[in-house]
Protein backbone atom coordinates (compact mmCIF):
# COMPACT_ATOMS: atom_id res chain seq x y z
CA UNK A 1 30.45 109.72 99.15
CA UNK A 2 29.12 106.06 99.66
CA UNK A 3 31.31 103.73 101.14
CA UNK A 4 29.54 101.12 99.38
CA UNK A 5 30.66 97.59 98.08
CA UNK A 6 30.81 98.81 94.65
CA UNK A 7 33.09 101.76 95.57
CA UNK A 8 35.70 99.80 96.93
CA UNK A 9 35.38 97.21 93.88
CA UNK A 10 36.04 100.13 91.61
CA UNK A 11 39.06 101.61 93.73
CA UNK A 12 40.63 98.02 93.75
CA UNK A 13 40.27 97.89 90.16
CA UNK A 14 41.78 101.31 89.93
CA UNK A 15 44.53 100.34 91.66
CA UNK A 16 44.77 97.36 89.75
CA UNK A 17 44.67 99.41 86.42
CA UNK A 18 47.54 101.55 87.56
CA UNK A 19 49.59 98.67 88.87
CA UNK A 20 49.04 96.87 85.66
CA UNK A 21 50.17 100.07 83.14
CA UNK A 22 46.67 100.39 82.18
CA UNK A 23 45.13 96.83 81.78
CA UNK A 24 44.05 94.01 84.14
CA UNK A 25 44.95 90.75 84.02
CA UNK A 26 41.46 89.54 82.67
CA UNK A 27 41.68 91.64 79.70
CA UNK A 28 39.44 94.25 80.18
CA UNK A 29 39.50 97.76 81.69
CA UNK A 30 37.74 97.61 84.74
CA UNK A 31 36.50 101.41 84.82
CA UNK A 32 35.27 100.99 81.10
CA UNK A 33 34.18 97.43 80.34
CA UNK A 34 36.28 97.25 77.02
CA UNK A 35 38.83 94.87 76.01
CA UNK A 36 42.35 95.83 75.97
CA UNK A 37 45.74 94.38 75.57
CA UNK A 38 48.26 93.47 78.58
CA UNK A 39 50.82 96.07 78.29
CA UNK A 40 54.04 94.06 77.62
CA UNK A 41 56.80 95.14 80.00
CA UNK A 42 59.70 97.49 78.67
CA UNK A 43 63.07 95.67 79.31
CA UNK A 44 65.88 97.25 77.34
CA UNK A 45 68.91 94.60 77.38
CA UNK A 46 72.46 96.43 77.15
CA UNK A 47 74.95 94.22 76.26
CA UNK A 48 77.64 94.99 73.85
CA UNK A 49 78.82 92.65 70.64
CA UNK A 50 81.82 91.56 72.82
CA UNK A 51 83.26 90.84 76.52
CA UNK A 52 87.23 90.56 76.86
CA UNK A 53 88.94 88.14 79.01
CA UNK A 54 92.30 86.95 80.11
CA UNK A 55 93.38 83.90 82.05
CA UNK A 56 93.71 84.55 85.59
CA UNK A 57 91.65 87.58 85.23
CA UNK A 58 88.03 87.56 86.61
CA UNK A 59 85.48 88.99 84.12
CA UNK A 60 81.96 89.63 85.09
CA UNK A 61 78.59 90.50 83.72
CA UNK A 62 76.31 92.15 86.54
CA UNK A 63 72.66 91.79 85.36
CA UNK A 64 71.57 94.95 87.45
CA UNK A 65 73.62 96.89 85.04
CA UNK A 66 72.53 95.65 81.48
CA UNK A 67 68.72 96.29 81.73
CA UNK A 68 66.90 99.61 82.44
CA UNK A 69 64.31 98.83 84.89
CA UNK A 70 63.54 99.83 88.39
CA UNK A 71 63.64 96.63 90.36
CA UNK A 72 65.96 94.00 88.70
CA UNK A 73 64.62 91.41 91.33
CA UNK A 74 61.35 91.45 89.55
CA UNK A 75 63.17 89.42 86.54
CA UNK A 76 64.94 86.24 86.02
CA UNK A 77 68.21 86.60 84.17
CA UNK A 78 69.54 83.52 82.22
CA UNK A 79 73.43 83.53 81.49
CA UNK A 80 73.78 80.35 79.11
CA UNK A 81 77.63 79.40 78.09
CA UNK A 82 79.76 76.89 77.96
CA UNK A 83 82.29 78.36 80.62
CA UNK A 84 81.89 80.80 83.53
CA UNK A 85 79.45 80.59 86.45
CA UNK A 86 76.01 82.05 86.39
CA UNK A 87 74.84 83.12 89.63
CA UNK A 88 71.89 85.08 90.95
CA UNK A 89 73.14 88.38 89.90
CA UNK A 90 76.08 88.08 87.81
CA UNK A 91 77.66 85.51 85.08
CA UNK A 92 81.04 85.50 86.37
CA UNK A 93 84.29 83.67 84.21
CA UNK A 94 88.00 83.63 85.43
CA UNK A 95 89.61 81.63 82.26
CA UNK A 96 93.06 79.37 82.50
CA UNK A 97 95.02 79.20 79.95
CA UNK A 98 93.09 75.86 78.17
CA UNK A 99 90.14 78.60 77.97
CA UNK A 100 91.96 80.76 74.82
CA UNK A 101 89.95 81.54 72.10
CA UNK A 102 86.02 82.64 71.96
CA UNK A 103 82.49 81.30 72.93
CA UNK A 104 78.91 82.42 73.05
CA UNK A 105 77.18 83.78 76.12
CA UNK A 106 73.73 84.16 75.66
CA UNK A 107 71.83 86.24 78.11
CA UNK A 108 67.92 86.18 78.44
CA UNK A 109 65.83 88.28 80.56
CA UNK A 110 62.17 86.57 81.66
CA UNK A 111 59.15 88.38 83.05
CA UNK A 112 55.72 87.26 84.21
CA UNK A 113 55.07 87.09 80.54
CA UNK A 114 57.99 84.77 79.60
CA UNK A 115 60.99 85.89 77.57
CA UNK A 116 61.65 89.65 77.32
CA UNK A 117 64.74 90.24 75.83
CA UNK A 118 67.82 87.99 74.99
CA UNK A 119 71.05 88.55 73.34
CA UNK A 120 74.17 86.51 72.13
CA UNK A 121 77.53 88.02 73.30
CA UNK A 122 81.08 86.71 72.12
CA UNK A 123 83.76 86.28 74.94
CA UNK A 124 86.97 86.71 73.62
CA UNK A 125 89.67 85.02 75.70
CA UNK A 126 93.34 86.40 74.74
CA UNK A 127 96.33 84.63 75.63
CA UNK A 128 98.17 85.27 78.53
CA UNK A 129 101.44 86.12 76.93
CA UNK A 130 99.60 88.64 74.07
CA UNK A 131 102.49 91.06 73.07
CA UNK A 132 105.51 89.64 75.54
CA UNK A 133 108.78 91.07 74.43
CA UNK A 134 107.50 94.17 72.89
CA UNK A 135 106.80 97.96 74.02
CA UNK A 136 103.62 99.41 74.45
CA UNK A 137 102.58 103.16 75.26
CA UNK A 138 99.31 104.00 76.46
CA UNK A 139 97.71 107.28 77.14
CA UNK A 140 94.68 107.05 79.47
CA UNK A 141 92.19 109.79 79.39
CA UNK A 142 89.23 110.59 81.59
CA UNK A 143 87.29 112.11 84.17
CA UNK A 144 87.64 111.71 88.15
CA UNK A 145 87.22 107.96 87.93
CA UNK A 146 90.58 108.20 86.32
CA UNK A 147 91.99 110.72 88.42
CA UNK A 148 91.37 108.36 91.58
CA UNK A 149 94.29 106.70 89.81
CA UNK A 150 93.18 103.20 91.05
CA UNK A 151 92.22 101.39 87.92
CA UNK A 152 95.24 103.17 85.82
CA UNK A 153 97.33 101.70 89.09
CA UNK A 154 95.81 98.08 88.22
CA UNK A 155 96.29 98.26 84.58
CA UNK A 156 99.91 99.00 85.56
CA UNK A 157 100.09 96.30 87.79
CA UNK A 158 99.05 93.56 85.46
CA UNK A 159 101.62 94.70 82.71
CA UNK A 160 104.06 93.82 85.27
CA UNK A 161 103.10 89.94 85.15
CA UNK A 162 105.09 87.38 83.04
CA UNK A 163 104.16 87.44 79.75
CA UNK A 164 103.54 90.84 79.10
CA UNK A 165 105.00 93.67 77.04
CA UNK A 166 106.91 96.57 78.65
CA UNK A 167 104.27 99.32 79.41
CA UNK A 168 104.97 102.83 79.26
CA UNK A 169 102.04 105.03 80.84
CA UNK A 170 101.93 108.44 79.28
CA UNK A 171 100.53 111.57 80.92
CA UNK A 172 101.02 114.85 82.63
CA UNK A 173 100.33 113.78 86.03
CA UNK A 174 99.82 110.72 88.29
CA UNK A 175 96.44 111.45 90.01
CA UNK A 176 95.26 115.15 91.26
CA UNK A 177 98.68 116.68 89.83
CA UNK A 178 101.13 114.51 91.39
CA UNK A 179 104.49 114.00 90.11
CA UNK A 180 104.77 111.14 87.68
CA UNK A 181 107.79 108.79 88.53
CA UNK A 182 109.84 107.16 86.23
CA UNK A 183 108.13 104.38 84.33
CA UNK A 184 105.44 104.76 86.89
CA UNK A 185 101.52 105.36 86.66
CA UNK A 186 100.79 108.37 84.55
CA UNK A 187 97.74 109.52 82.89
CA UNK A 188 94.94 112.82 81.88
CA UNK A 189 92.40 111.98 84.61
CA UNK A 190 90.94 115.12 85.77
CA UNK A 191 87.63 115.39 88.22
CA UNK A 192 84.63 117.04 86.83
CA UNK A 193 86.00 117.03 83.18
CA UNK A 194 83.85 115.92 80.46
CA UNK A 195 84.30 115.51 76.50
CA UNK A 196 84.22 119.11 75.87
CA UNK A 197 86.99 120.15 78.49
CA UNK A 198 89.68 118.36 76.69
CA UNK A 199 88.92 120.67 73.90
CA UNK A 200 88.00 123.97 75.88
CA UNK A 201 89.88 124.18 78.93
CA UNK A 202 92.02 127.34 79.07
CA UNK A 203 92.98 129.51 81.73
CA UNK A 204 94.23 133.32 80.26
CA UNK A 205 97.96 133.75 80.69
CA UNK A 206 97.46 136.56 83.60
CA UNK A 207 95.82 134.00 85.84
CA UNK A 208 97.75 131.11 85.09
CA UNK A 209 101.21 132.69 85.88
CA UNK A 210 99.87 133.43 89.47
CA UNK A 211 99.03 129.88 90.24
CA UNK A 212 101.49 128.08 92.41
CA UNK A 213 100.10 124.54 93.43
CA UNK A 214 101.10 121.78 91.01
CA UNK A 215 97.60 120.32 91.18
CA UNK A 216 96.01 124.06 90.10
CA UNK A 217 98.34 124.27 87.60
CA UNK A 218 97.62 121.13 85.85
CA UNK A 219 93.94 121.49 86.21
CA UNK A 220 93.93 124.99 84.70
CA UNK A 221 94.50 123.76 80.93
CA UNK A 222 93.74 121.16 78.87
CA UNK A 223 97.00 119.11 78.06
CA UNK A 224 96.15 118.79 74.58
CA UNK A 225 95.81 122.59 74.01
CA UNK A 226 98.41 125.28 73.32
CA UNK A 227 98.40 128.97 72.53
CA UNK A 228 99.58 129.77 68.88
CA UNK A 229 99.29 133.36 67.18
CA UNK A 230 97.28 134.28 69.86
CA UNK A 231 94.54 131.44 69.40
CA UNK A 232 94.20 128.60 71.58
CA UNK A 233 94.50 125.35 69.45
CA UNK A 234 95.03 121.66 69.63
CA UNK A 235 98.48 120.95 70.02
CA UNK A 236 98.54 116.98 70.39
CA UNK A 237 101.85 117.00 68.39
CA UNK A 238 103.42 119.05 71.29
CA UNK A 239 101.71 117.02 73.86
CA UNK A 240 103.44 114.03 72.43
CA UNK A 241 106.79 115.45 72.34
CA UNK A 242 107.01 116.66 75.66
CA UNK A 243 105.68 113.34 77.09
CA UNK A 244 106.71 110.26 74.49
CA UNK A 245 109.62 111.60 72.61
CA UNK A 246 107.24 113.04 69.89
CA UNK A 247 105.84 109.40 69.23
CA UNK A 248 101.85 109.17 69.17
CA UNK A 249 100.73 106.20 71.82
CA UNK A 250 100.10 102.55 70.45
CA UNK A 251 96.69 102.72 72.50
CA UNK A 252 94.68 105.58 73.82
CA UNK A 253 91.67 105.18 76.04
CA UNK A 254 88.81 107.73 77.00
CA UNK A 255 86.58 107.24 80.18
CA UNK A 256 84.22 109.91 80.10
CA UNK A 257 80.58 110.72 80.03
CA UNK A 258 79.25 110.55 83.85
CA UNK A 259 79.90 114.18 84.09
CA UNK A 260 78.19 114.91 80.61
CA UNK A 261 75.30 113.28 81.35
CA UNK A 262 74.74 113.00 85.01
CA UNK A 263 72.06 116.31 85.24
CA UNK A 264 69.99 115.23 82.34
CA UNK A 265 66.42 114.72 82.80
CA UNK A 266 63.85 112.55 80.60
CA UNK A 267 62.88 115.70 78.68
CA UNK A 268 66.19 116.94 77.51
CA UNK A 269 68.59 113.87 77.67
CA UNK A 270 68.39 113.13 73.99
CA UNK A 271 69.56 116.54 73.24
CA UNK A 272 72.24 116.54 75.88
CA UNK A 273 73.69 113.30 74.20
CA UNK A 274 73.33 114.84 70.99
CA UNK A 275 75.96 117.27 72.62
CA UNK A 276 78.30 114.98 73.90
CA UNK A 277 78.49 113.05 70.82
CA UNK A 278 79.52 116.24 69.05
CA UNK A 279 81.99 116.86 71.89
CA UNK A 280 83.06 113.46 71.51
CA UNK A 281 83.55 113.42 67.75
CA UNK A 282 85.69 116.59 68.14
CA UNK A 283 88.35 114.86 70.28
CA UNK A 284 88.73 111.77 68.74
CA UNK A 285 88.70 113.59 65.23
CA UNK A 286 92.12 115.25 66.79
CA UNK A 287 93.35 112.56 68.37
CA UNK A 288 93.00 110.38 64.98
CA UNK A 289 94.63 112.93 63.05
CA UNK A 290 97.55 113.18 65.55
CA UNK A 291 97.61 109.55 65.85
CA UNK A 292 96.69 107.65 62.89
CA UNK A 293 97.99 104.30 63.95
CA UNK A 294 96.92 104.24 67.53
CA UNK A 295 94.10 101.75 68.78
CA UNK A 296 91.37 103.78 70.72
CA UNK A 297 89.40 102.29 73.35
CA UNK A 298 86.40 104.08 74.26
CA UNK A 299 85.00 102.99 77.76
CA UNK A 300 81.28 102.80 78.25
CA UNK A 301 80.00 104.84 81.13
CA UNK A 302 79.66 103.14 84.12
CA UNK A 303 76.71 103.09 86.56
CA UNK A 304 76.22 104.66 90.02
CA UNK A 305 75.61 102.78 93.16
CA UNK A 306 73.07 99.99 93.96
CA UNK A 307 70.58 102.35 95.86
CA UNK A 308 69.80 105.89 96.32
CA UNK A 309 71.61 105.96 99.66
CA UNK A 310 74.86 107.13 97.68
CA UNK A 311 73.49 109.78 96.03
CA UNK A 312 71.71 110.94 99.02
CA UNK A 313 74.96 111.32 101.03
CA UNK A 314 76.72 113.17 97.79
CA UNK A 315 73.67 115.16 96.65
CA UNK A 316 71.28 115.23 99.42
CA UNK A 317 68.02 115.29 97.65
CA UNK A 318 68.80 117.09 94.06
CA UNK A 319 69.56 114.04 92.66
CA UNK A 320 67.98 110.77 91.79
CA UNK A 321 70.01 107.45 91.42
CA UNK A 322 67.27 106.11 89.04
CA UNK A 323 67.14 109.23 86.73
CA UNK A 324 71.27 108.69 86.31
CA UNK A 325 70.91 105.29 85.64
CA UNK A 326 68.41 106.15 82.69
CA UNK A 327 70.51 108.92 81.39
CA UNK A 328 73.41 106.49 81.60
CA UNK A 329 71.84 103.79 79.92
CA UNK A 330 70.54 105.75 77.04
CA UNK A 331 74.15 107.33 76.84
CA UNK A 332 75.90 103.73 76.50
CA UNK A 333 72.95 102.54 74.26
CA UNK A 334 73.57 105.55 71.86
CA UNK A 335 77.05 105.35 71.98
CA UNK A 336 76.95 101.62 70.98
CA UNK A 337 74.62 102.68 68.26
CA UNK A 338 76.75 105.58 66.91
CA UNK A 339 79.93 103.61 66.59
CA UNK A 340 78.02 100.16 65.18
CA UNK A 341 76.31 102.72 62.41
CA UNK A 342 79.31 105.33 61.62
CA UNK A 343 82.91 104.90 63.21
CA UNK A 344 85.49 106.82 61.02
CA UNK A 345 87.79 106.85 64.15
CA UNK A 346 87.85 103.12 64.27
CA UNK A 347 87.06 103.14 67.94
CA UNK A 348 86.84 99.94 69.81
CA UNK A 349 84.00 100.20 72.55
CA UNK A 350 85.28 98.89 76.13
CA UNK A 351 82.19 97.32 78.17
CA UNK A 352 83.64 98.86 81.40
CA UNK A 353 80.07 99.27 82.74
CA UNK A 354 79.43 95.54 82.65
CA UNK A 355 82.28 94.55 85.26
CA UNK A 356 81.63 96.67 87.85
CA UNK A 357 79.79 95.47 91.00
CA UNK A 358 77.79 98.44 91.99
CA UNK A 359 76.34 96.64 95.26
CA UNK A 360 79.15 95.64 96.70
CA UNK A 361 82.11 97.57 95.35
CA UNK A 362 81.06 101.18 96.31
CA UNK A 363 81.99 103.07 99.23
CA UNK A 364 80.00 101.88 102.64
CA UNK A 365 79.65 103.78 105.89
CA UNK A 366 78.22 101.95 109.31
CA UNK A 367 75.64 104.57 110.43
CA UNK A 368 72.77 104.48 113.03
CA UNK A 369 69.75 103.45 111.72
CA UNK A 370 68.03 106.78 112.76
CA UNK A 371 68.41 109.52 115.37
CA UNK A 372 65.93 107.51 117.98
CA UNK A 373 67.75 104.12 117.34
CA UNK A 374 71.54 103.83 117.65
CA UNK A 375 71.49 100.44 115.77
CA UNK A 376 74.33 100.56 113.15
CA UNK A 377 73.18 99.55 109.68
CA UNK A 378 75.19 99.72 106.42
CA UNK A 379 74.81 102.31 103.88
CA UNK A 380 76.35 102.68 100.26
CA UNK A 381 78.13 106.03 100.82
CA UNK A 382 79.15 107.51 97.28
CA UNK A 383 76.94 107.74 94.11
CA UNK A 384 79.32 107.17 90.92
CA UNK A 385 82.73 106.67 92.49
CA UNK A 386 83.35 102.95 93.17
CA UNK A 387 85.67 101.65 96.36
CA UNK A 388 89.36 100.51 95.44
CA UNK A 389 87.72 97.27 94.58
CA UNK A 390 85.40 98.25 91.78
CA UNK A 391 88.15 100.83 90.81
CA UNK A 392 90.45 97.61 90.16
CA UNK A 393 87.53 95.81 88.07
CA UNK A 394 87.63 98.78 85.91
CA UNK A 395 91.16 98.22 85.34
CA UNK A 396 90.53 94.71 84.90
CA UNK A 397 88.28 95.23 82.15
CA UNK A 398 90.67 97.74 80.27
CA UNK A 399 93.54 95.55 80.48
CA UNK A 400 91.39 92.51 79.01
CA UNK A 401 90.55 94.71 76.18
CA UNK A 402 94.35 95.72 75.67
CA UNK A 403 95.32 92.04 75.36
CA UNK A 404 92.86 91.43 72.95
CA UNK A 405 94.59 94.13 70.79
CA UNK A 406 97.69 93.13 71.16
CA UNK A 407 96.53 89.35 70.34
CA UNK A 408 94.93 90.64 67.27
CA UNK A 409 98.16 92.68 66.28
CA UNK A 410 100.32 89.36 67.06
CA UNK A 411 98.01 87.45 64.93
CA UNK A 412 98.17 89.90 61.84
CA UNK A 413 102.02 89.81 61.97
CA UNK A 414 101.75 85.98 61.61
């Protein structure tokens, strides 16, 4: 091999070819002297049509969460709106009572080739006193994010503020099987569960009879199932009878999807999501039959932590943050498309993923740089589970959406 000038020019050109996605900036392919087009960056902007806000509660759009790109720092994000603050990594807005109403927020993504994506979003600011004086029952359903009980507690705390209805939370436990206190936090959150689990989880009677720990008993069977005539079937009326005097809840929320899509890869992600949507349909269908007048809020799955460090902590070298981001992003995209096209269960989507600070509101740990350097650095320490601050942001999002539901109901009555 000759290391002459021509070789090095070709090597450099080849590197440029790979870096530019197939073409160099001159418009000519360096290895084949033919013209070709510069490939435009594929930026998928993931935004809902509506964002919800309430006076006194911070609402955010974290830019890293709305694009499926490897490095968001390579792009400029513009957040154009008559209200709120446009920061480097987010648009943030804490309304006052004077801000009640709605306005348009426009998000633009700009790269080296100019404007790459743009979306207009309606920001809905509901009155602080929406629903005041009424009774409200809420059923919160989810996986480990719900079982942690921090975001359900945040919802509960918000509703204790003046100008709110009296809240009753419905659920079998208050986290990890803990007994529900009178007028306290309750939910149906279970670590590791997916959309399908609530339709299938059932332990046979012999094994179930041997359980002694409350957590094991609570986790052994879906709370929405019962055995009738030797068959395991949905029994939501029985569930409502046990926990809500036979009445269906006014609002039912769902925060699921992380476990469903976590292990998907590029080759099978579409089939995995097809199956998720089928399982989603099954649970939503049964819920709608049993609670025809309830308002359904489906939370869009949350992103993982900001770096690979949290995934390394939890999963060693088995799982990639980037793969999970792609999976989560695609699931959110498919869910938005599904409910925009065909929504027989009258579902409202709750954009939980927008308001979660994945860089600062996930668990952190101070550790030595490496075995040979005892200087301490801070690393993210969990892949998909936020810190208490992050969980509270999830609770804020659900609360703001619930207040919009109450505001809509009040407007209809007038």
